[in-house]
């Protein structure tokens, strides 16, 4: 539905504006947190995404397939009009190399698409994860946890992945 797509794009723009480290993985994590929190309160996710429970965290299946081509990230036009990508190459002390994909907003989000509840949850999630990296985010435990131990670990087979669909 177009409503879900528009909310997805505006949520990405919102988080890209608010987070200090808006990497692709971090955006996936905060979108999942947004959807899980809203789902917990209403039974309906905000973005309409379905997530795979993978070892490094929730991955929105359809969005990931749409923007990931081979080992590259390419945004479709509707998202690219709102977000640009910044690719940051890195090397660890052990010589391991990689690339972090950061989402850079081209504009401010249109929050009028969201209900007051959705706006509240967007703000809460942004406040919790504002300064966290994707690696740090698994250790963030602020506010009321979604699950008894404050972690999504049971859904991911306690680190083993499993690719179960969420929510």
Foldseek 3Di string as FASTA:
>chain_A
DVLLVLQLLLLLLALLVQAPFQWPLVSQALLVQLQLVVCVVPVGGRNPFKWWFFLLGTGRVVVCVQQDDPNHGHDPPVNCVFWDWDWDWDADPVGDIDITIHIHTPDHGDCVSDDPVSVVSSVVSSVQRRHPHSVCVQVGQDDDASDDVNHPCVVCVNNVGDTDIHD
